[in-house]
Amino acid sequence: MIEMSAADFRKVLQQEFNLIVAGGQQHLADEIFRIGHMGYCSVADILQTISTIEIALQKMGQTIQLGAGTAAAQEIYLQEVL
């Protein structure tokens, strides 16, 4: 994996996809990102966010399997619904 900053990652999400995620607090300021919402969040919102994160990671040079996170979330959703 290529080392990258959380701030740069958040910047890609905002510029490319208009998705704003928060940074970490205090000593985690540039180590993590946080996904928030303002009330109701649909399954489609969650799947779209995960998919967007996967694309942004790959654009930043990370070696990931596109769709793996989205597929995992879909499986969890289907297990809960059935």
PDB file of N, CA and C in Angstrom:
ATOM      1  N   MET A   1       0.837  -1.183   0.000  1.00  0.00           N
ATOM      2  CA  MET A   1       0.000   0.000   0.000  1.00  0.00           C
ATOM      3  C   MET A   1       0.882   1.247   0.000  1.00  0.00           C
ATOM      4  N   ILE A   2       0.454   2.224  -0.736  1.00  0.00           N
ATOM      5  CA  ILE A   2       1.133   3.501  -0.797  1.00  0.00           C
ATOM      6  C   ILE A   2       0.675   4.355   0.379  1.00  0.00           C
ATOM      7  N   GLU A   3       1.615   5.006   1.038  1.00  0.00           N
ATOM      8  CA  GLU A   3       1.250   5.876   2.152  1.00  0.00           C
ATOM      9  C   GLU A   3       0.547   7.109   1.607  1.00  0.00           C
ATOM     10  N   MET A   4      -0.531   7.487   2.266  1.00  0.00           N
ATOM     11  CA  MET A   4      -1.287   8.667   1.843  1.00  0.00           C
ATOM     12  C   MET A   4      -1.844   9.353   3.071  1.00  0.00           C
ATOM     13  N   SER A   5      -2.159  10.616   2.938  1.00  0.00           N
ATOM     14  CA  SER A   5      -2.716  11.338   4.083  1.00  0.00           C
ATOM     15  C   SER A   5      -4.236  11.322   4.008  1.00  0.00           C
ATOM     16  N   ALA A   6      -4.843  11.314   5.168  1.00  0.00           N
ATOM     17  CA  ALA A   6      -6.307  11.351   5.230  1.00  0.00           C
ATOM     18  C   ALA A   6      -6.821  12.661   4.662  1.00  0.00           C
ATOM     19  N   ALA A   7      -6.071  13.748   4.849  1.00  0.00           N
ATOM     20  CA  ALA A   7      -6.495  15.055   4.320  1.00  0.00           C
ATOM     21  C   ALA A   7      -6.542  15.022   2.796  1.00  0.00           C
ATOM     22  N   ASP A   8      -5.538  14.434   2.167  1.00  0.00           N
ATOM     23  CA  ASP A   8      -5.535  14.323   0.704  1.00  0.00           C
ATOM     24  C   ASP A   8      -6.686  13.437   0.223  1.00  0.00           C
ATOM     25  N   PHE A   9      -6.943  12.376   0.959  1.00  0.00           N
ATOM     26  CA  PHE A   9      -8.042  11.474   0.616  1.00  0.00           C
ATOM     27  C   PHE A   9      -9.376  12.208   0.690  1.00  0.00           C
ATOM     28  N   ARG A  10      -9.585  12.956   1.768  1.00  0.00           N
ATOM     29  CA  ARG A  10     -10.825  13.726   1.911  1.00  0.00           C
ATOM     30  C   ARG A  10     -10.962  14.742   0.785  1.00  0.00           C
ATOM     31  N   LYS A  11      -9.839  15.332   0.370  1.00  0.00           N
ATOM     32  CA  LYS A  11      -9.853  16.317  -0.709  1.00  0.00           C
ATOM     33  C   LYS A  11     -10.300  15.682  -2.028  1.00  0.00           C
ATOM     34  N   VAL A  12      -9.810  14.490  -2.326  1.00  0.00           N
ATOM     35  CA  VAL A  12     -10.224  13.780  -3.546  1.00  0.00           C
ATOM     36  C   VAL A  12     -11.724  13.494  -3.500  1.00  0.00           C
ATOM     37  N   LEU A  13     -12.209  13.020  -2.366  1.00  0.00           N
ATOM     38  CA  LEU A  13     -13.638  12.728  -2.250  1.00  0.00           C
ATOM     39  C   LEU A  13     -14.481  13.972  -2.496  1.00  0.00           C
ATOM     40  N   GLN A  14     -14.036  15.097  -1.953  1.00  0.00           N
ATOM     41  CA  GLN A  14     -14.810  16.321  -2.118  1.00  0.00           C
ATOM     42  C   GLN A  14     -14.726  16.854  -3.545  1.00  0.00           C
ATOM     43  N   GLN A  15     -13.536  16.905  -4.111  1.00  0.00           N
ATOM     44  CA  GLN A  15     -13.371  17.473  -5.453  1.00  0.00           C
ATOM     45  C   GLN A  15     -13.965  16.595  -6.545  1.00  0.00           C
ATOM     46  N   GLU A  16     -13.764  15.298  -6.441  1.00  0.00           N
ATOM     47  CA  GLU A  16     -14.205  14.387  -7.504  1.00  0.00           C
ATOM     48  C   GLU A  16     -15.686  14.003  -7.402  1.00  0.00           C
ATOM     49  N   PHE A  17     -16.179  13.879  -6.159  1.00  0.00           N
ATOM     50  CA  PHE A  17     -17.513  13.311  -5.956  1.00  0.00           C
ATOM     51  C   PHE A  17     -18.446  14.173  -5.123  1.00  0.00           C
ATOM     52  N   ASN A  18     -17.975  15.347  -4.704  1.00  0.00           N
ATOM     53  CA  ASN A  18     -18.767  16.225  -3.844  1.00  0.00           C
ATOM     54  C   ASN A  18     -19.212  15.501  -2.568  1.00  0.00           C
ATOM     55  N   LEU A  19     -18.366  14.611  -2.084  1.00  0.00           N
ATOM     56  CA  LEU A  19     -18.626  13.865  -0.850  1.00  0.00           C
ATOM     57  C   LEU A  19     -17.709  14.433   0.226  1.00  0.00           C
ATOM     58  N   ILE A  20     -18.295  14.966   1.266  1.00  0.00           N
ATOM     59  CA  ILE A  20     -17.514  15.570   2.333  1.00  0.00           C
ATOM     60  C   ILE A  20     -17.505  14.619   3.526  1.00  0.00           C
ATOM     61  N   VAL A  21     -16.305  14.213   3.923  1.00  0.00           N
ATOM     62  CA  VAL A  21     -16.135  13.389   5.119  1.00  0.00           C
ATOM     63  C   VAL A  21     -15.254  14.174   6.093  1.00  0.00           C
ATOM     64  N   ALA A  22     -15.435  13.918   7.356  1.00  0.00           N
ATOM     65  CA  ALA A  22     -14.710  14.647   8.395  1.00  0.00           C
ATOM     66  C   ALA A  22     -13.362  13.996   8.677  1.00  0.00           C
ATOM     67  N   GLY A  23     -12.460  14.790   9.188  1.00  0.00           N
ATOM     68  CA  GLY A  23     -11.168  14.278   9.614  1.00  0.00           C
ATOM     69  C   GLY A  23     -11.251  13.741  11.032  1.00  0.00           C
ATOM     70  N   GLY A  24     -10.159  13.169  11.461  1.00  0.00           N
ATOM     71  CA  GLY A  24     -10.078  12.707  12.830  1.00  0.00           C
ATOM     72  C   GLY A  24      -9.925  13.891  13.781  1.00  0.00           C
ATOM     73  N   GLN A  25     -10.013  13.608  15.048  1.00  0.00           N
ATOM     74  CA  GLN A  25      -9.868  14.651  16.055  1.00  0.00           C
ATOM     75  C   GLN A  25      -8.546  14.471  16.788  1.00  0.00           C
ATOM     76  N   GLN A  26      -7.985  15.585  17.223  1.00  0.00           N
ATOM     77  CA  GLN A  26      -6.746  15.630  17.991  1.00  0.00           C
ATOM     78  C   GLN A  26      -5.628  14.859  17.307  1.00  0.00           C
ATOM     79  N   HIS A  27      -5.059  13.850  17.948  1.00  0.00           N
ATOM     80  CA  HIS A  27      -3.899  13.148  17.389  1.00  0.00           C
ATOM     81  C   HIS A  27      -4.239  12.299  16.155  1.00  0.00           C
ATOM     82  N   LEU A  28      -5.516  12.119  15.879  1.00  0.00           N
ATOM     83  CA  LEU A  28      -5.935  11.354  14.700  1.00  0.00           C
ATOM     84  C   LEU A  28      -6.338  12.256  13.536  1.00  0.00           C
ATOM     85  N   ALA A  29      -6.014  13.548  13.625  1.00  0.00           N
ATOM     86  CA  ALA A  29      -6.469  14.532  12.646  1.00  0.00           C
ATOM     87  C   ALA A  29      -6.140  14.143  11.206  1.00  0.00           C
ATOM     88  N   ASP A  30      -4.959  13.608  10.947  1.00  0.00           N
ATOM     89  CA  ASP A  30      -4.602  13.234   9.575  1.00  0.00           C
ATOM     90  C   ASP A  30      -4.380  11.728   9.440  1.00  0.00           C
ATOM     91  N   GLU A  31      -4.993  10.981  10.328  1.00  0.00           N
ATOM     92  CA  GLU A  31      -4.825   9.526  10.304  1.00  0.00           C
ATOM     93  C   GLU A  31      -6.090   8.794   9.865  1.00  0.00           C
ATOM     94  N   ILE A  32      -7.238   9.401  10.105  1.00  0.00           N
ATOM     95  CA  ILE A  32      -8.507   8.726   9.816  1.00  0.00           C
ATOM     96  C   ILE A  32      -9.475   9.701   9.147  1.00  0.00           C
ATOM     97  N   PHE A  33     -10.585   9.171   8.673  1.00  0.00           N
ATOM     98  CA  PHE A  33     -11.693  10.011   8.224  1.00  0.00           C
ATOM     99  C   PHE A  33     -12.962   9.448   8.836  1.00  0.00           C
ATOM    100  N   ARG A  34     -13.947  10.316   8.984  1.00  0.00           N
ATOM    101  CA  ARG A  34     -15.213   9.909   9.594  1.00  0.00           C
ATOM    102  C   ARG A  34     -16.356  10.224   8.637  1.00  0.00           C
ATOM    103  N   ILE A  35     -17.275   9.282   8.528  1.00  0.00           N
ATOM    104  CA  ILE A  35     -18.453   9.470   7.689  1.00  0.00           C
ATOM    105  C   ILE A  35     -19.609   9.824   8.610  1.00  0.00           C
ATOM    106  N   GLY A  36     -20.211  10.955   8.353  1.00  0.00           N
ATOM    107  CA  GLY A  36     -21.350  11.385   9.162  1.00  0.00           C
ATOM    108  C   GLY A  36     -22.589  11.511   8.297  1.00  0.00           C
ATOM    109  N   HIS A  37     -23.689  11.769   8.935  1.00  0.00           N
ATOM    110  CA  HIS A  37     -24.935  12.024   8.212  1.00  0.00           C
ATOM    111  C   HIS A  37     -25.807  12.930   9.064  1.00  0.00           C
ATOM    112  N   MET A  38     -26.746  13.537   8.439  1.00  0.00           N
ATOM    113  CA  MET A  38     -27.656  14.449   9.132  1.00  0.00           C
ATOM    114  C   MET A  38     -29.040  13.803   9.186  1.00  0.00           C
ATOM    115  N   GLY A  39     -29.179  12.770   9.984  1.00  0.00           N
ATOM    116  CA  GLY A  39     -30.470  12.104  10.102  1.00  0.00           C
ATOM    117  C   GLY A  39     -30.514  10.805   9.335  1.00  0.00           C
ATOM    118  N   TYR A  40     -31.583  10.592   8.583  1.00  0.00           N
ATOM    119  CA  TYR A  40     -31.815   9.343   7.880  1.00  0.00           C
ATOM    120  C   TYR A  40     -30.766   9.099   6.811  1.00  0.00           C
ATOM    121  N   CYS A  41     -30.339   7.877   6.708  1.00  0.00           N
ATOM    122  CA  CYS A  41     -29.366   7.468   5.694  1.00  0.00           C
ATOM    123  C   CYS A  41     -29.879   6.154   5.092  1.00  0.00           C
ATOM    124  N   SER A  42     -30.136   6.152   3.803  1.00  0.00           N
ATOM    125  CA  SER A  42     -30.698   4.960   3.161  1.00  0.00           C
ATOM    126  C   SER A  42     -29.603   3.946   2.827  1.00  0.00           C
ATOM    127  N   VAL A  43     -30.025   2.742   2.514  1.00  0.00           N
ATOM    128  CA  VAL A  43     -29.095   1.698   2.071  1.00  0.00           C
ATOM    129  C   VAL A  43     -28.373   2.165   0.807  1.00  0.00           C
ATOM    130  N   ALA A  44     -29.096   2.803  -0.088  1.00  0.00           N
ATOM    131  CA  ALA A  44     -28.479   3.309  -1.324  1.00  0.00           C
ATOM    132  C   ALA A  44     -27.396   4.345  -1.014  1.00  0.00           C
ATOM    133  N   ASP A  45     -27.629   5.201  -0.018  1.00  0.00           N
ATOM    134  CA  ASP A  45     -26.612   6.189   0.393  1.00  0.00           C
ATOM    135  C   ASP A  45     -25.345   5.487   0.871  1.00  0.00           C
ATOM    136  N   ILE A  46     -25.517   4.449   1.658  1.00  0.00           N
ATOM    137  CA  ILE A  46     -24.369   3.712   2.201  1.00  0.00           C
ATOM    138  C   ILE A  46     -23.593   3.032   1.081  1.00  0.00           C
ATOM    139  N   LEU A  47     -24.298   2.346   0.182  1.00  0.00           N
ATOM    140  CA  LEU A  47     -23.634   1.655  -0.923  1.00  0.00           C
ATOM    141  C   LEU A  47     -22.898   2.643  -1.833  1.00  0.00           C
ATOM    142  N   GLN A  48     -23.510   3.774  -2.097  1.00  0.00           N
ATOM    143  CA  GLN A  48     -22.879   4.794  -2.934  1.00  0.00           C
ATOM    144  C   GLN A  48     -21.621   5.343  -2.259  1.00  0.00           C
ATOM    145  N   THR A  49     -21.683   5.578  -0.971  1.00  0.00           N
ATOM    146  CA  THR A  49     -20.527   6.102  -0.244  1.00  0.00           C
ATOM    147  C   THR A  49     -19.370   5.107  -0.249  1.00  0.00           C
ATOM    148  N   ILE A  50     -19.658   3.849   0.008  1.00  0.00           N
ATOM    149  CA  ILE A  50     -18.602   2.830  -0.004  1.00  0.00           C
ATOM    150  C   ILE A  50     -17.978   2.717  -1.388  1.00  0.00           C
ATOM    151  N   SER A  51     -18.807   2.718  -2.414  1.00  0.00           N
ATOM    152  CA  SER A  51     -18.307   2.639  -3.782  1.00  0.00           C
ATOM    153  C   SER A  51     -17.421   3.838  -4.120  1.00  0.00           C
ATOM    154  N   THR A  52     -17.821   5.016  -3.711  1.00  0.00           N
ATOM    155  CA  THR A  52     -17.053   6.228  -3.960  1.00  0.00           C
ATOM    156  C   THR A  52     -15.711   6.175  -3.239  1.00  0.00           C
ATOM    157  N   ILE A  53     -15.711   5.680  -2.023  1.00  0.00           N
ATOM    158  CA  ILE A  53     -14.460   5.533  -1.264  1.00  0.00           C
ATOM    159  C   ILE A  53     -13.511   4.585  -1.983  1.00  0.00           C
ATOM    160  N   GLU A  54     -14.044   3.484  -2.508  1.00  0.00           N
ATOM    161  CA  GLU A  54     -13.203   2.541  -3.248  1.00  0.00           C
ATOM    162  C   GLU A  54     -12.553   3.204  -4.464  1.00  0.00           C
ATOM    163  N   ILE A  55     -13.342   3.964  -5.212  1.00  0.00           N
ATOM    164  CA  ILE A  55     -12.803   4.636  -6.397  1.00  0.00           C
ATOM    165  C   ILE A  55     -11.728   5.642  -5.994  1.00  0.00           C
ATOM    166  N   ALA A  56     -11.988   6.432  -4.958  1.00  0.00           N
ATOM    167  CA  ALA A  56     -11.022   7.435  -4.510  1.00  0.00           C
ATOM    168  C   ALA A  56      -9.723   6.779  -4.055  1.00  0.00           C
ATOM    169  N   LEU A  57      -9.819   5.654  -3.347  1.00  0.00           N
ATOM    170  CA  LEU A  57      -8.609   4.944  -2.917  1.00  0.00           C
ATOM    171  C   LEU A  57      -7.782   4.512  -4.119  1.00  0.00           C
ATOM    172  N   GLN A  58      -8.450   3.980  -5.133  1.00  0.00           N
ATOM    173  CA  GLN A  58      -7.714   3.539  -6.314  1.00  0.00           C
ATOM    174  C   GLN A  58      -7.105   4.733  -7.060  1.00  0.00           C
ATOM    175  N   LYS A  59      -7.823   5.839  -7.148  1.00  0.00           N
ATOM    176  CA  LYS A  59      -7.297   7.030  -7.802  1.00  0.00           C
ATOM    177  C   LYS A  59      -6.042   7.545  -7.098  1.00  0.00           C
ATOM    178  N   MET A  60      -5.937   7.259  -5.789  1.00  0.00           N
ATOM    179  CA  MET A  60      -4.780   7.707  -5.021  1.00  0.00           C
ATOM    180  C   MET A  60      -3.644   6.687  -5.028  1.00  0.00           C
ATOM    181  N   GLY A  61      -3.794   5.648  -5.838  1.00  0.00           N
ATOM    182  CA  GLY A  61      -2.716   4.693  -6.004  1.00  0.00           C
ATOM    183  C   GLY A  61      -2.757   3.479  -5.100  1.00  0.00           C
ATOM    184  N   GLN A  62      -3.833   3.326  -4.364  1.00  0.00           N
ATOM    185  CA  GLN A  62      -3.954   2.158  -3.494  1.00  0.00           C
ATOM    186  C   GLN A  62      -4.369   0.947  -4.325  1.00  0.00           C
ATOM    187  N   THR A  63      -3.815  -0.195  -4.006  1.00  0.00           N
ATOM    188  CA  THR A  63      -4.165  -1.420  -4.701  1.00  0.00           C
ATOM    189  C   THR A  63      -5.332  -2.069  -3.967  1.00  0.00           C
ATOM    190  N   ILE A  64      -6.510  -1.896  -4.515  1.00  0.00           N
ATOM    191  CA  ILE A  64      -7.704  -2.487  -3.911  1.00  0.00           C
ATOM    192  C   ILE A  64      -8.521  -3.144  -5.012  1.00  0.00           C
ATOM    193  N   GLN A  65      -9.387  -4.029  -4.612  1.00  0.00           N
ATOM    194  CA  GLN A  65     -10.301  -4.663  -5.560  1.00  0.00           C
ATOM    195  C   GLN A  65     -11.583  -3.844  -5.577  1.00  0.00           C
ATOM    196  N   LEU A  66     -11.800  -3.134  -6.682  1.00  0.00           N
ATOM    197  CA  LEU A  66     -13.016  -2.342  -6.778  1.00  0.00           C
ATOM    198  C   LEU A  66     -14.243  -3.232  -6.607  1.00  0.00           C
ATOM    199  N   GLY A  67     -15.180  -2.749  -5.830  1.00  0.00           N
ATOM    200  CA  GLY A  67     -16.425  -3.472  -5.622  1.00  0.00           C
ATOM    201  C   GLY A  67     -16.421  -4.397  -4.423  1.00  0.00           C
ATOM    202  N   ALA A  68     -15.268  -4.669  -3.837  1.00  0.00           N
ATOM    203  CA  ALA A  68     -15.200  -5.612  -2.710  1.00  0.00           C
ATOM    204  C   ALA A  68     -15.956  -5.083  -1.492  1.00  0.00           C
ATOM    205  N   GLY A  69     -15.751  -3.816  -1.170  1.00  0.00           N
ATOM    206  CA  GLY A  69     -16.453  -3.224  -0.025  1.00  0.00           C
ATOM    207  C   GLY A  69     -17.944  -3.115  -0.277  1.00  0.00           C
ATOM    208  N   THR A  70     -18.280  -2.708  -1.476  1.00  0.00           N
ATOM    209  CA  THR A  70     -19.690  -2.592  -1.846  1.00  0.00           C
ATOM    210  C   THR A  70     -20.364  -3.962  -1.807  1.00  0.00           C
ATOM    211  N   ALA A  71     -19.702  -4.977  -2.345  1.00  0.00           N
ATOM    212  CA  ALA A  71     -20.254  -6.337  -2.337  1.00  0.00           C
ATOM    213  C   ALA A  71     -20.447  -6.849  -0.908  1.00  0.00           C
ATOM    214  N   ALA A  72     -19.490  -6.562  -0.041  1.00  0.00           N
ATOM    215  CA  ALA A  72     -19.613  -6.990   1.360  1.00  0.00           C
ATOM    216  C   ALA A  72     -20.817  -6.319   2.017  1.00  0.00           C
ATOM    217  N   ALA A  73     -21.004  -5.029   1.759  1.00  0.00           N
ATOM    218  CA  ALA A  73     -22.151  -4.316   2.323  1.00  0.00           C
ATOM    219  C   ALA A  73     -23.462  -4.857   1.771  1.00  0.00           C
ATOM    220  N   GLN A  74     -23.474  -5.201   0.482  1.00  0.00           N
ATOM    221  CA  GLN A  74     -24.674  -5.782  -0.121  1.00  0.00           C
ATOM    222  C   GLN A  74     -25.020  -7.121   0.536  1.00  0.00           C
ATOM    223  N   GLU A  75     -24.010  -7.951   0.779  1.00  0.00           N
ATOM    224  CA  GLU A  75     -24.237  -9.250   1.428  1.00  0.00           C
ATOM    225  C   GLU A  75     -24.822  -9.071   2.825  1.00  0.00           C
ATOM    226  N   ILE A  76     -24.281  -8.140   3.574  1.00  0.00           N
ATOM    227  CA  ILE A  76     -24.794  -7.887   4.922  1.00  0.00           C
ATOM    228  C   ILE A  76     -26.238  -7.419   4.856  1.00  0.00           C
ATOM    229  N   TYR A  77     -26.522  -6.525   3.935  1.00  0.00           N
ATOM    230  CA  TYR A  77     -27.892  -6.041   3.777  1.00  0.00           C
ATOM    231  C   TYR A  77     -28.840  -7.197   3.461  1.00  0.00           C
ATOM    232  N   LEU A  78     -28.456  -8.048   2.504  1.00  0.00           N
ATOM    233  CA  LEU A  78     -29.317  -9.172   2.121  1.00  0.00           C
ATOM    234  C   LEU A  78     -29.519 -10.153   3.271  1.00  0.00           C
ATOM    235  N   GLN A  79     -28.492 -10.361   4.089  1.00  0.00           N
ATOM    236  CA  GLN A  79     -28.637 -11.257   5.242  1.00  0.00           C
ATOM    237  C   GLN A  79     -29.628 -10.695   6.250  1.00  0.00           C
ATOM    238  N   GLU A  80     -29.622  -9.377   6.420  1.00  0.00           N
ATOM    239  CA  GLU A  80     -30.527  -8.739   7.370  1.00  0.00           C
ATOM    240  C   GLU A  80     -31.959  -8.703   6.888  1.00  0.00           C
ATOM    241  N   VAL A  81     -32.153  -8.597   5.587  1.00  0.00           N
ATOM    242  CA  VAL A  81     -33.486  -8.476   5.004  1.00  0.00           C
ATOM    243  C   VAL A  81     -34.165  -9.834   4.895  1.00  0.00           C
ATOM    244  N   LEU A  82     -33.397 -10.852   4.546  1.00  0.00           N
ATOM    245  CA  LEU A  82     -33.993 -12.182   4.312  1.00  0.00           C
ATOM    246  C   LEU A  82     -34.344 -12.885   5.570  1.00  0.00           C
TER     247      LEU A  82
END
